[in-house]
């Protein structure tokens, strides 16, 4: 289907299935890219709007814009690094808890497995058989408890990759509103606004490559969100410009 993701489509021959399952599950950093790209575009355009609204020299746009790209981009990347690293630490802590509980209270942990399976709708015979299989291997047992009791995924994202993705997206998308000023084009603010909206649409369309949505829907949804943010930035810039002019 046109515009629909093919991420979940794959070969179902036995050998292809075996190879696919032998590889570690893919980890997506799409949210980091979208997050960084939208924020980079919005914050840079906010600076453009503020400078234009305050009737300052175009060179101020470049100075403040460059400072924003590096300082705010690094800040976002560092924050995302810390947040993602916390996910890893939480996972490791809860895994250690489950390891200790299985060692100290094996029957209690088996009963937890039984009750989890019961909630899933399995009958008594199936529950006993599945509990025996799950608890016969400690790693499998721990992974089951982490997923079912705490809702934690087996694959944890890399904090460094998440941070680098956020910074790269922030910088690449954030530099777009500055291009018209760098090239000293006529009507730079109008061009900056148009290019910023194009970036929003492009970011949304990108989501269609991995999500089951059309590129048009993804683009329009993100465009509308970004347009609201850009409008607020322009309005605040104009307001501050009016205050400064007064």
Protein backbone atom coordinates (compact mmCIF):
# COMPACT_ATOMS: atom_id res chain seq x y z
CA UNK A 1 0.00 0.00 0.00
CA UNK A 2 1.36 3.41 -0.96
CA UNK A 3 2.68 5.45 1.94
CA UNK A 4 2.40 2.64 4.44
CA UNK A 5 5.47 1.38 6.25
CA UNK A 6 7.00 -1.92 5.23
CA UNK A 7 9.01 -2.20 8.43
CA UNK A 8 7.02 -5.21 9.62
CA UNK A 9 7.17 -7.00 6.26
CA UNK A 10 9.73 -9.78 5.93
CA UNK A 11 10.45 -13.16 4.40
CA UNK A 12 8.67 -16.06 6.12
CA UNK A 13 10.80 -18.92 4.80
CA UNK A 14 12.18 -21.03 7.69
CA UNK A 15 15.80 -20.10 7.05
CA UNK A 16 14.97 -16.39 6.76
CA UNK A 17 13.00 -16.56 10.00
CA UNK A 18 15.91 -18.31 11.74
CA UNK A 19 18.40 -15.66 10.59
CA UNK A 20 16.09 -12.81 11.56
CA UNK A 21 15.43 -14.16 15.06
CA UNK A 22 19.13 -14.84 15.60
CA UNK A 23 19.88 -11.13 15.20
CA UNK A 24 19.18 -8.73 18.08
CA UNK A 25 15.91 -6.80 17.78
CA UNK A 26 16.23 -3.49 15.95
CA UNK A 27 16.24 -0.41 18.14
CA UNK A 28 14.55 2.72 16.80
CA UNK A 29 15.85 6.23 17.36
CA UNK A 30 13.09 7.84 15.30
CA UNK A 31 11.58 9.64 18.28
CA UNK A 32 14.97 11.21 19.06
CA UNK A 33 15.24 12.45 15.47
CA UNK A 34 11.70 13.87 15.43
CA UNK A 35 12.14 15.42 18.88
CA UNK A 36 15.45 17.07 18.01
CA UNK A 37 14.34 18.21 14.56
CA UNK A 38 11.15 19.91 15.67
CA UNK A 39 12.79 21.59 18.64
CA UNK A 40 15.75 22.75 16.57
CA UNK A 41 13.46 24.30 13.95
CA UNK A 42 11.14 25.93 16.49
CA UNK A 43 13.82 27.42 18.74
CA UNK A 44 15.83 28.79 15.84
CA UNK A 45 12.75 30.26 14.22
CA UNK A 46 11.81 31.77 17.57
CA UNK A 47 15.13 33.59 17.56
CA UNK A 48 14.55 34.77 13.99
CA UNK A 49 11.07 36.00 14.94
CA UNK A 50 12.33 37.77 18.04
CA UNK A 51 15.12 39.55 16.20
CA UNK A 52 12.87 40.57 13.29
CA UNK A 53 10.11 41.63 15.68
CA UNK A 54 12.55 43.77 17.63
CA UNK A 55 13.90 45.28 14.37
CA UNK A 56 17.46 44.28 15.16
CA UNK A 57 20.25 43.88 12.61
CA UNK A 58 20.21 40.66 10.55
CA UNK A 59 23.67 39.83 11.88
CA UNK A 60 22.08 39.34 15.30
CA UNK A 61 20.02 36.50 13.82
CA UNK A 62 23.19 34.69 12.80
CA UNK A 63 24.95 35.24 16.12
CA UNK A 64 22.03 34.16 18.29
CA UNK A 65 21.05 31.39 15.86
CA UNK A 66 24.54 29.87 15.90
CA UNK A 67 24.67 30.09 19.67
CA UNK A 68 21.30 28.34 19.86
CA UNK A 69 22.35 25.54 17.51
CA UNK A 70 25.33 24.58 19.62
CA UNK A 71 24.25 25.49 23.15
CA UNK A 72 20.62 24.39 23.06
CA UNK A 73 21.45 21.44 20.81
CA UNK A 74 24.06 20.22 23.27
CA UNK A 75 21.68 20.80 26.17
CA UNK A 76 18.97 18.71 24.53
CA UNK A 77 21.43 15.96 23.64
CA UNK A 78 22.80 15.88 27.19
CA UNK A 79 19.29 15.75 28.65
CA UNK A 80 18.30 12.93 26.33
CA UNK A 81 21.51 11.09 27.21
CA UNK A 82 20.73 11.32 30.92
CA UNK A 83 17.11 10.29 30.46
CA UNK A 84 17.97 7.30 28.26
CA UNK A 85 20.80 6.25 30.57
CA UNK A 86 18.31 6.32 33.44
CA UNK A 87 16.18 3.81 31.50
CA UNK A 88 19.21 1.51 31.33
CA UNK A 89 19.92 1.95 35.02
CA UNK A 90 16.30 1.24 35.90
CA UNK A 91 16.39 -1.91 33.79
CA UNK A 92 19.60 -3.11 35.47
CA UNK A 93 18.21 -2.35 38.94
CA UNK A 94 14.96 -4.25 38.36
CA UNK A 95 16.83 -7.15 36.78
CA UNK A 96 18.98 -7.40 39.91
CA UNK A 97 15.81 -7.32 42.04
CA UNK A 98 14.28 -10.18 40.07
CA UNK A 99 17.50 -12.20 40.23
CA UNK A 100 17.49 -11.81 44.01
CA UNK A 101 13.81 -12.68 44.34
CA UNK A 102 14.16 -15.79 42.20
CA UNK A 103 17.08 -16.90 44.35
CA UNK A 104 15.43 -16.13 47.70
CA UNK A 105 11.74 -16.71 46.95
CA UNK A 106 11.52 -19.14 44.01
CA UNK A 107 8.05 -20.45 44.89
CA UNK A 108 6.66 -16.96 45.25
CA UNK A 109 8.11 -15.99 41.87
CA UNK A 110 6.62 -19.13 40.29
CA UNK A 111 3.25 -18.13 41.69
CA UNK A 112 3.65 -14.70 40.10
CA UNK A 113 4.26 -16.41 36.75
CA UNK A 114 1.14 -18.53 37.24
CA UNK A 115 -1.04 -15.53 38.03
CA UNK A 116 0.32 -13.56 35.08
CA UNK A 117 -0.51 -16.45 32.76
CA UNK A 118 -3.93 -16.83 34.38
CA UNK A 119 -4.71 -13.19 33.57
CA UNK A 120 -3.74 -13.94 29.98
CA UNK A 121 -6.57 -16.49 29.83
CA UNK A 122 -4.66 -19.79 29.88
CA UNK A 123 -6.29 -22.78 31.56
CA UNK A 124 -4.83 -24.56 34.59
CA UNK A 125 -3.02 -27.29 32.62
CA UNK A 126 -1.49 -24.78 30.23
CA UNK A 127 -0.43 -22.56 33.11
CA UNK A 128 1.46 -25.35 34.86
CA UNK A 129 3.13 -26.49 31.67
CA UNK A 130 4.14 -22.96 30.64
CA UNK A 131 5.31 -22.08 34.15
CA UNK A 132 7.59 -25.12 34.16
CA UNK A 133 9.08 -24.11 30.82
CA UNK A 134 9.55 -20.43 31.75
CA UNK A 135 11.10 -21.12 35.15
CA UNK A 136 13.41 -23.88 33.89
CA UNK A 137 15.84 -21.24 32.61
CA UNK A 138 16.83 -18.35 34.88
CA UNK A 139 17.51 -15.79 32.12
CA UNK A 140 14.21 -16.61 30.42
CA UNK A 141 12.44 -16.39 33.77
CA UNK A 142 13.94 -12.97 34.52
CA UNK A 143 13.13 -11.62 31.06
CA UNK A 144 9.55 -12.84 31.42
CA UNK A 145 9.15 -11.05 34.77
CA UNK A 146 10.73 -7.84 33.51
CA UNK A 147 8.39 -7.76 30.52
CA UNK A 148 5.20 -8.89 32.25
CA UNK A 149 5.56 -7.44 35.75
CA UNK A 150 7.33 -4.18 34.92
CA UNK A 151 6.53 -3.72 31.23
CA UNK A 152 10.20 -3.33 30.28
CA UNK A 153 11.45 -4.12 26.79
CA UNK A 154 14.34 -6.52 26.35
CA UNK A 155 16.20 -4.08 24.11
CA UNK A 156 17.26 -0.82 25.76
CA UNK A 157 18.30 2.08 23.55
CA UNK A 158 21.88 3.34 23.60
CA UNK A 159 22.10 6.60 25.54
CA UNK A 160 24.96 7.83 23.35
CA UNK A 161 23.17 7.05 20.08
CA UNK A 162 20.01 8.74 21.35
CA UNK A 163 22.00 11.85 22.30
CA UNK A 164 23.90 12.01 19.01
CA UNK A 165 20.70 11.51 17.01
CA UNK A 166 19.02 14.33 18.91
CA UNK A 167 21.95 16.72 18.41
CA UNK A 168 22.34 15.89 14.70
CA UNK A 169 18.64 16.37 14.05
CA UNK A 170 18.52 19.57 16.11
CA UNK A 171 21.48 21.05 14.25
CA UNK A 172 20.50 20.00 10.72
CA UNK A 173 16.88 21.10 11.04
CA UNK A 174 17.70 24.14 13.17
CA UNK A 175 20.08 25.60 10.63
CA UNK A 176 17.35 25.76 7.96
CA UNK A 177 15.64 28.94 9.26
CA UNK A 178 19.01 30.71 9.14
CA UNK A 179 19.87 29.96 5.51
CA UNK A 180 18.06 32.98 4.07
CA UNK A 181 20.00 35.26 6.41
CA UNK A 182 23.32 33.53 5.72
CA UNK A 183 22.81 33.98 1.97
CA UNK A 184 21.45 37.51 2.46
CA UNK A 185 18.37 36.74 0.37
CA UNK A 186 15.58 39.29 -0.17
CA UNK A 187 12.65 38.94 2.24
CA UNK A 188 14.68 36.62 4.49
CA UNK A 189 12.00 36.32 7.17
CA UNK A 190 9.33 35.10 4.73
CA UNK A 191 11.79 32.61 3.24
CA UNK A 192 12.81 31.47 6.72
CA UNK A 193 9.18 30.86 7.65
CA UNK A 194 8.49 28.93 4.46
CA UNK A 195 11.60 26.77 4.87
CA UNK A 196 10.77 26.10 8.51
CA UNK A 197 7.30 24.85 7.56
CA UNK A 198 8.85 22.64 4.87
CA UNK A 199 11.13 21.13 7.52
CA UNK A 200 8.13 20.35 9.72
CA UNK A 201 6.40 18.60 6.82
CA UNK A 202 9.57 16.68 5.93
CA UNK A 203 10.02 15.47 9.51
CA UNK A 204 6.44 14.22 9.61
CA UNK A 205 6.78 12.53 6.23
CA UNK A 206 9.89 10.76 7.46
CA UNK A 207 7.78 8.96 10.06
CA UNK A 208 5.89 7.15 7.29
CA UNK A 209 9.04 5.15 6.53
CA UNK A 210 8.72 3.27 9.82
CA UNK A 211 5.09 3.81 10.83
CA UNK A 212 1.86 2.62 9.23
CA UNK A 213 0.76 6.07 8.16
CA UNK A 214 0.87 7.81 4.79
CA UNK A 215 3.64 10.33 4.14
CA UNK A 216 0.99 12.99 3.54
CA UNK A 217 -0.78 12.42 6.85
CA UNK A 218 2.47 12.28 8.79
CA UNK A 219 3.69 15.45 7.10
CA UNK A 220 0.49 17.40 7.64
CA UNK A 221 0.19 16.38 11.31
CA UNK A 222 3.71 17.53 12.11
CA UNK A 223 3.31 20.63 9.92
CA UNK A 224 0.24 21.71 11.90
CA UNK A 225 2.02 21.15 15.22
CA UNK A 226 5.06 23.07 14.02
CA UNK A 227 2.95 25.86 12.53
CA UNK A 228 1.31 26.46 15.91
CA UNK A 229 4.72 26.58 17.59
CA UNK A 230 6.11 28.87 14.87
CA UNK A 231 3.07 31.13 15.18
CA UNK A 232 3.57 31.42 18.92
CA UNK A 233 7.24 32.23 18.37
CA UNK A 234 6.36 34.92 15.85
CA UNK A 235 3.69 36.39 18.10
CA UNK A 236 5.99 36.56 21.11
CA UNK A 237 8.75 38.04 18.95
CA UNK A 238 6.40 40.74 17.69
CA UNK A 239 5.15 41.44 21.23
CA UNK A 240 8.67 41.80 22.58
CA UNK A 241 9.60 43.93 19.62
CA UNK A 242 6.68 46.24 20.38
CA UNK A 243 7.70 46.45 24.04
CA UNK A 244 11.30 47.21 23.04
CA UNK A 245 10.18 49.81 20.56
CA UNK A 246 8.10 51.49 23.20
